[in-house]
Amino acid sequence: MSATAAQDAPKKAVASNAIKFLFGGLSGMGATMVVQPLDLVKTRMQISGAGSGKKEYRSSLHCIQTIVSKEGPLALYQGIGAALLRQATYTTGRLGMYTYLNDLFRERFQRNPGITDSMAMGTIAGACGAFIGTPAEVALVRMTSDGRLPVAERRNYTNVANALARITREEGLTALWRGSLPTVGRAMVVNMTQLASYSQFKTYFRTGPLQMEEGIKLHFCASMLSGLLTTITSMPLDIAKTRIQNMKMVDGKPEYRGTADVLLRVARQEGVFALWKGFTPYYCRLGPHTVLTFILLEQLNQGYNKYVLGVDKSTGL
């Protein structure tokens, strides 16, 4: 085929980078609608005991019962606006960036990424997404924790836009990125661990003794184990992030000096294992959220390819 003919040949229809970012955000938002109550419980349990060291909740179930009895069932979806905004920023950023880096890697090196390559790309994607999503994260933490405060101390944000506006007006623009260091650090650990371990667990289940076939069952098992490992490694940083983003100024000074100060004070006042406080709801949220996110992402990709591009084939990540 001549050079002219090759140039005139129709190009293969592929989804644009903008569509990949869009579908990443939409899939994360859909998953969040299901797991938001668990995220709220996780946040409440992580904040309980701050300062005094006294535990407010005996377990995740006791936390749910307390919230429902004192604030009503709808309180489990408190802060849903901020949670959706977080997914629209954080998940859009991290999945979009990870997909872009994967495509760039394959194009440049003409091979599939290895484990270390995936870990490096996951780390970069997590850092980018977390920095973009930190303002929504700050609003989410404050809105989900507000109900546990005494009435006189509540911030009473009416919605996520009100929260962002008031934080900027009352505390300054930089307050929207309060806790950005532990937030970015947590996201780097989460994405590095999650993406690399998910790939390894998936390969083991498919080629190992179980010989599982490709499908939702395989994706569920691999993502739940990946979620367990990710939970163990990232929870201390998540605790630090939550405490810093929720802290108030005491006599003109911040309650915590930084990530290390939070971790040391929690370990000293509440015990070392308090660094994994809220483990159950965190894990129960992370596993299903990963499953739902990727199932929704695949369905969006398949629908777009079939009905818009006219290609009956999923591109995946």
Protein backbone atom coordinates (compact mmCIF):
# COMPACT_ATOMS: atom_id res chain seq x y z
CA MET A 1 0.00 0.00 0.00
CA SER A 2 1.39 3.45 -0.98
CA ALA A 3 1.95 6.22 1.54
CA THR A 4 -0.93 8.19 0.02
CA ALA A 5 -3.28 5.21 0.26
CA ALA A 6 -2.25 4.61 3.88
CA GLN A 7 -3.05 8.22 4.73
CA ASP A 8 -6.43 8.01 2.97
CA ALA A 9 -7.40 4.77 4.77
CA PRO A 10 -10.09 5.32 7.41
CA LYS A 11 -8.77 5.58 10.95
CA LYS A 12 -10.02 3.16 13.59
CA ALA A 13 -12.70 4.81 15.72
CA VAL A 14 -11.52 5.24 19.30
CA ALA A 15 -12.87 7.11 22.30
CA SER A 16 -11.27 10.51 22.93
CA ASN A 17 -9.35 11.28 26.11
CA ALA A 18 -12.20 13.59 27.18
CA ILE A 19 -14.66 10.66 27.03
CA LYS A 20 -12.30 8.48 29.09
CA PHE A 21 -12.11 11.18 31.79
CA LEU A 22 -15.90 11.69 31.67
CA PHE A 23 -16.70 7.98 32.01
CA GLY A 24 -14.21 7.66 34.89
CA GLY A 25 -16.03 10.38 36.82
CA LEU A 26 -19.53 9.07 36.06
CA SER A 27 -18.64 5.52 37.14
CA GLY A 28 -17.19 6.79 40.43
CA MET A 29 -20.29 8.91 41.08
CA GLY A 30 -22.59 5.96 40.43
CA ALA A 31 -20.66 3.76 42.86
CA THR A 32 -20.68 6.50 45.50
CA MET A 33 -24.49 6.63 45.48
CA VAL A 34 -24.42 3.05 46.78
CA VAL A 35 -21.60 3.19 49.35
CA GLN A 36 -22.00 6.73 50.76
CA PRO A 37 -23.51 5.53 54.10
CA LEU A 38 -20.39 3.41 54.75
CA ASP A 39 -18.14 6.37 54.00
CA LEU A 40 -20.09 8.49 56.47
CA VAL A 41 -19.79 5.79 59.17
CA LYS A 42 -16.05 5.51 58.48
CA THR A 43 -15.59 9.28 58.88
CA ARG A 44 -17.62 9.43 62.11
CA MET A 45 -15.62 6.57 63.66
CA GLN A 46 -12.28 8.11 62.69
CA ILE A 47 -13.20 11.45 64.26
CA SER A 48 -14.69 9.93 67.44
CA GLY A 49 -12.27 10.17 70.34
CA ALA A 50 -10.38 13.12 68.89
CA GLY A 51 -8.84 15.07 71.77
CA SER A 52 -10.42 13.15 74.66
CA GLY A 53 -9.56 9.64 73.48
CA LYS A 54 -13.06 8.50 74.53
CA LYS A 55 -14.77 6.16 72.06
CA GLU A 56 -18.23 7.27 70.94
CA TYR A 57 -19.13 4.08 69.08
CA ARG A 58 -18.64 0.45 70.05
CA SER A 59 -18.76 -0.81 66.47
CA SER A 60 -19.81 0.12 62.94
CA LEU A 61 -23.34 -1.19 63.61
CA HIS A 62 -23.59 0.87 66.80
CA CYS A 63 -22.48 3.93 64.83
CA ILE A 64 -25.22 3.36 62.22
CA GLN A 65 -27.85 2.83 64.94
CA THR A 66 -26.80 6.01 66.74
CA ILE A 67 -26.91 8.12 63.57
CA VAL A 68 -30.33 6.80 62.53
CA SER A 69 -31.86 7.17 66.01
CA LYS A 70 -30.53 10.71 66.62
CA GLU A 71 -30.49 12.21 63.13
CA GLY A 72 -32.83 10.04 61.05
CA PRO A 73 -32.19 7.57 58.18
CA LEU A 74 -31.49 10.31 55.62
CA ALA A 75 -28.51 11.42 57.73
CA LEU A 76 -26.63 8.42 56.30
CA TYR A 77 -26.51 10.38 53.04
CA GLN A 78 -25.37 13.60 54.70
CA GLY A 79 -22.75 15.22 52.49
CA ILE A 80 -23.76 13.31 49.35
CA GLY A 81 -23.33 16.49 47.27
CA ALA A 82 -19.71 16.83 48.40
CA ALA A 83 -19.16 13.11 47.85
CA LEU A 84 -20.41 13.34 44.27
CA LEU A 85 -18.29 16.43 43.64
CA ARG A 86 -15.28 14.55 45.01
CA GLN A 87 -15.88 11.72 42.54
CA ALA A 88 -16.40 14.23 39.72
CA THR A 89 -12.95 15.66 40.48
CA TYR A 90 -10.84 12.94 42.13
CA THR A 91 -12.03 9.87 40.23
CA THR A 92 -12.26 11.73 36.94
CA GLY A 93 -8.68 12.85 37.45
CA ARG A 94 -7.17 9.58 38.62
CA LEU A 95 -8.91 7.20 36.19
CA GLY A 96 -8.54 9.59 33.29
CA MET A 97 -4.84 10.15 34.03
CA TYR A 98 -4.21 6.42 34.57
CA THR A 99 -5.87 5.57 31.23
CA TYR A 100 -3.90 8.30 29.48
CA LEU A 101 -0.60 7.12 30.98
CA ASN A 102 -1.37 3.50 30.05
CA ASP A 103 -2.05 4.44 26.43
CA LEU A 104 1.06 6.62 26.33
CA PHE A 105 3.19 3.79 27.77
CA ARG A 106 1.96 1.24 25.21
CA GLU A 107 2.48 3.68 22.37
CA ARG A 108 6.02 4.58 23.42
CA PHE A 109 7.36 1.18 24.54
CA GLN A 110 5.20 -1.10 22.36
CA ARG A 111 4.36 -3.44 25.27
CA ASN A 112 1.93 -3.80 28.16
CA PRO A 113 2.96 -2.17 31.47
CA GLY A 114 4.55 -4.44 34.10
CA ILE A 115 3.84 -4.43 37.85
CA THR A 116 6.32 -1.67 38.68
CA ASP A 117 5.12 0.35 35.69
CA SER A 118 1.49 0.06 36.86
CA MET A 119 2.50 1.03 40.41
CA ALA A 120 4.34 4.12 39.17
CA MET A 121 1.44 5.18 36.94
CA GLY A 122 -1.06 4.53 39.73
CA THR A 123 1.00 6.69 42.09
CA ILE A 124 1.12 9.60 39.61
CA ALA A 125 -2.58 9.28 38.75
CA GLY A 126 -3.53 9.16 42.44
CA ALA A 127 -1.51 12.26 43.29
CA CYS A 128 -3.02 14.26 40.41
CA GLY A 129 -6.60 13.21 41.20
CA ALA A 130 -6.20 13.83 44.94
CA PHE A 131 -4.85 17.36 44.53
CA ILE A 132 -7.74 18.26 42.22
CA GLY A 133 -10.28 16.67 44.56
CA THR A 134 -9.01 18.01 47.92
CA PRO A 135 -11.52 20.93 48.19
CA ALA A 136 -14.44 18.52 47.73
CA GLU A 137 -12.78 16.14 50.21
CA VAL A 138 -12.57 18.88 52.85
CA ALA A 139 -16.25 19.75 52.33
CA LEU A 140 -17.22 16.05 52.47
CA VAL A 141 -15.40 15.38 55.75
CA ARG A 142 -16.92 18.43 57.42
CA MET A 143 -20.46 17.79 56.19
CA THR A 144 -20.46 14.10 57.17
CA SER A 145 -19.05 14.83 60.64
CA ASP A 146 -21.20 17.87 61.46
CA GLY A 147 -24.07 15.87 62.93
CA ARG A 148 -21.95 14.47 65.78
CA LEU A 149 -21.04 17.93 67.10
CA PRO A 150 -23.05 19.80 69.76
CA VAL A 151 -25.69 22.05 68.15
CA ALA A 152 -23.78 25.21 69.09
CA GLU A 153 -20.58 23.97 67.42
CA ARG A 154 -22.06 22.73 64.14
CA ARG A 155 -21.06 24.47 60.94
CA ASN A 156 -24.49 23.80 59.36
CA TYR A 157 -23.43 23.92 55.73
CA THR A 158 -26.58 23.80 53.59
CA ASN A 159 -24.91 22.16 50.58
CA VAL A 160 -21.50 21.59 49.04
CA ALA A 161 -21.46 24.99 47.28
CA ASN A 162 -22.27 26.71 50.58
CA ALA A 163 -19.52 24.73 52.31
CA LEU A 164 -16.88 25.69 49.75
CA ALA A 165 -17.96 29.34 49.75
CA ARG A 166 -17.98 29.64 53.55
CA ILE A 167 -14.66 27.86 53.99
CA THR A 168 -13.09 30.28 51.49
CA ARG A 169 -14.73 33.34 53.08
CA GLU A 170 -14.17 32.39 56.74
CA GLU A 171 -10.79 30.62 56.59
CA GLY A 172 -9.20 31.69 53.31
CA LEU A 173 -8.75 30.01 49.92
CA THR A 174 -5.87 27.84 51.10
CA ALA A 175 -8.17 26.16 53.66
CA LEU A 176 -9.75 24.28 50.75
CA TRP A 177 -6.47 22.40 50.42
CA ARG A 178 -6.09 21.79 54.16
CA GLY A 179 -4.78 18.27 54.64
CA SER A 180 -3.67 18.08 51.01
CA LEU A 181 -0.36 16.43 51.96
CA PRO A 182 -1.92 13.38 53.71
CA THR A 183 -4.71 13.36 51.10
CA VAL A 184 -2.21 13.14 48.23
CA GLY A 185 -0.05 10.70 50.18
CA ARG A 186 -3.04 8.45 50.89
CA ALA A 187 -4.13 8.59 47.24
CA MET A 188 -0.65 7.61 46.07
CA VAL A 189 -0.59 4.62 48.45
CA VAL A 190 -4.18 3.63 47.58
CA ASN A 191 -3.73 3.77 43.81
CA MET A 192 -0.29 2.17 43.84
CA THR A 193 -1.50 -0.71 46.03
CA GLN A 194 -4.97 -1.04 44.52
CA LEU A 195 -4.08 -1.09 40.83
CA ALA A 196 -1.01 -3.33 41.16
CA SER A 197 -2.55 -5.84 43.61
CA TYR A 198 -5.84 -6.00 41.66
CA SER A 199 -3.93 -7.05 38.56
CA GLN A 200 -1.97 -9.70 40.48
CA PHE A 201 -5.01 -11.16 42.28
CA LYS A 202 -6.92 -11.25 39.01
CA THR A 203 -4.10 -13.13 37.27
CA TYR A 204 -3.79 -15.59 40.17
CA PHE A 205 -7.51 -16.39 40.25
CA ARG A 206 -7.62 -16.82 36.48
CA THR A 207 -4.46 -18.94 36.04
CA GLY A 208 -4.07 -20.49 39.50
CA PRO A 209 -5.82 -23.46 41.14
CA LEU A 210 -9.28 -21.87 40.96
CA GLN A 211 -9.15 -21.32 37.16
CA MET A 212 -11.84 -18.63 37.33
CA GLU A 213 -13.23 -17.30 34.06
CA GLU A 214 -13.25 -13.62 33.11
CA GLY A 215 -16.37 -11.94 34.42
CA ILE A 216 -18.04 -10.19 37.35
CA LYS A 217 -17.24 -13.02 39.81
CA LEU A 218 -13.52 -12.76 39.05
CA HIS A 219 -13.58 -8.97 39.24
CA PHE A 220 -15.45 -9.09 42.56
CA CYS A 221 -13.02 -11.50 44.25
CA ALA A 222 -9.90 -9.71 42.98
CA SER A 223 -11.19 -6.26 43.93
CA MET A 224 -12.27 -7.32 47.43
CA LEU A 225 -8.80 -8.75 48.22
CA SER A 226 -7.19 -5.74 46.62
CA GLY A 227 -9.44 -3.56 48.79
CA LEU A 228 -8.35 -5.46 51.93
CA LEU A 229 -4.66 -4.89 51.20
CA THR A 230 -5.29 -1.26 50.27
CA THR A 231 -7.27 -0.67 53.46
CA ILE A 232 -4.48 -2.04 55.66
CA THR A 233 -1.80 0.13 54.03
CA SER A 234 -3.74 3.38 53.66
CA MET A 235 -5.89 3.70 56.80
CA PRO A 236 -3.36 5.52 59.05
CA LEU A 237 -2.97 8.21 56.36
CA ASP A 238 -6.75 8.33 55.95
CA ILE A 239 -7.15 8.91 59.70
CA ALA A 240 -4.61 11.76 59.54
CA LYS A 241 -6.34 13.27 56.50
CA THR A 242 -9.76 13.15 58.16
CA ARG A 243 -8.59 14.65 61.46
CA ILE A 244 -6.67 17.51 59.78
CA GLN A 245 -9.52 18.40 57.42
CA ASN A 246 -12.02 18.42 60.26
CA MET A 247 -9.87 20.27 62.83
CA LYS A 248 -10.72 23.68 64.23
CA MET A 249 -8.49 26.54 65.32
CA VAL A 250 -7.82 26.58 69.08
CA ASP A 251 -6.68 29.98 70.42
CA GLY A 252 -5.66 30.95 66.90
CA LYS A 253 -3.58 27.81 66.40
CA PRO A 254 -4.43 24.66 64.40
CA GLU A 255 -5.34 21.61 66.45
CA TYR A 256 -2.69 19.50 64.69
CA ARG A 257 0.72 20.53 63.32
CA GLY A 258 0.73 17.95 60.53
CA THR A 259 0.39 14.30 59.53
CA ALA A 260 3.10 13.01 61.89
CA ASP A 261 1.57 14.95 64.81
CA VAL A 262 -1.85 13.34 64.18
CA LEU A 263 -0.43 9.81 63.96
CA LEU A 264 1.67 10.21 67.13
CA ARG A 265 -1.15 11.76 69.14
CA VAL A 266 -3.69 9.13 68.05
CA ALA A 267 -1.29 6.31 68.92
CA ARG A 268 -0.42 7.88 72.29
CA GLN A 269 -3.92 8.91 73.39
CA GLU A 270 -6.08 6.19 71.80
CA GLY A 271 -3.68 3.31 71.18
CA VAL A 272 -1.81 2.11 68.07
CA PHE A 273 -4.78 0.15 66.74
CA ALA A 274 -6.85 3.36 66.71
CA LEU A 275 -4.92 4.17 63.51
CA TRP A 276 -7.18 1.56 61.90
CA LYS A 277 -10.38 2.86 63.52
CA GLY A 278 -13.31 2.47 61.14
CA PHE A 279 -11.60 -0.46 59.39
CA THR A 280 -14.81 -2.40 58.68
CA PRO A 281 -16.83 0.39 57.01
CA TYR A 282 -13.68 1.57 55.18
CA TYR A 283 -13.07 -1.91 53.78
CA CYS A 284 -16.75 -2.57 53.06
CA ARG A 285 -16.83 0.73 51.17
CA LEU A 286 -13.54 0.39 49.27
CA GLY A 287 -14.14 -3.14 47.90
CA PRO A 288 -17.68 -2.64 46.54
CA HIS A 289 -16.82 0.87 45.35
CA THR A 290 -13.98 -0.55 43.26
CA VAL A 291 -16.22 -3.31 41.85
CA LEU A 292 -19.09 -0.96 41.03
CA THR A 293 -16.79 1.69 39.56
CA PHE A 294 -15.15 -0.68 37.11
CA ILE A 295 -18.37 -2.49 36.18
CA LEU A 296 -20.05 0.85 35.44
CA LEU A 297 -16.96 2.02 33.55
CA GLU A 298 -16.99 -1.10 31.35
CA GLN A 299 -20.71 -0.70 30.64
CA LEU A 300 -20.28 2.96 29.69
CA ASN A 301 -17.37 2.07 27.41
CA GLN A 302 -19.32 -0.76 25.76
CA GLY A 303 -22.38 1.41 25.23
CA TYR A 304 -20.33 4.26 23.76
CA ASN A 305 -18.37 1.94 21.47
CA LYS A 306 -21.49 0.15 20.24
CA TYR A 307 -23.98 3.00 19.82
CA VAL A 308 -21.72 6.00 19.13
CA LEU A 309 -18.60 4.59 17.47
CA GLY A 310 -20.34 1.58 15.92
CA VAL A 311 -17.71 -0.82 17.30
CA ASP A 312 -19.09 -3.77 19.25
CA LYS A 313 -16.03 -4.08 21.46
CA SER A 314 -15.00 -2.80 24.90
CA THR A 315 -11.75 -0.86 25.14
CA GLY A 316 -11.41 -1.12 28.92
CA LEU A 317 -8.66 0.63 30.84
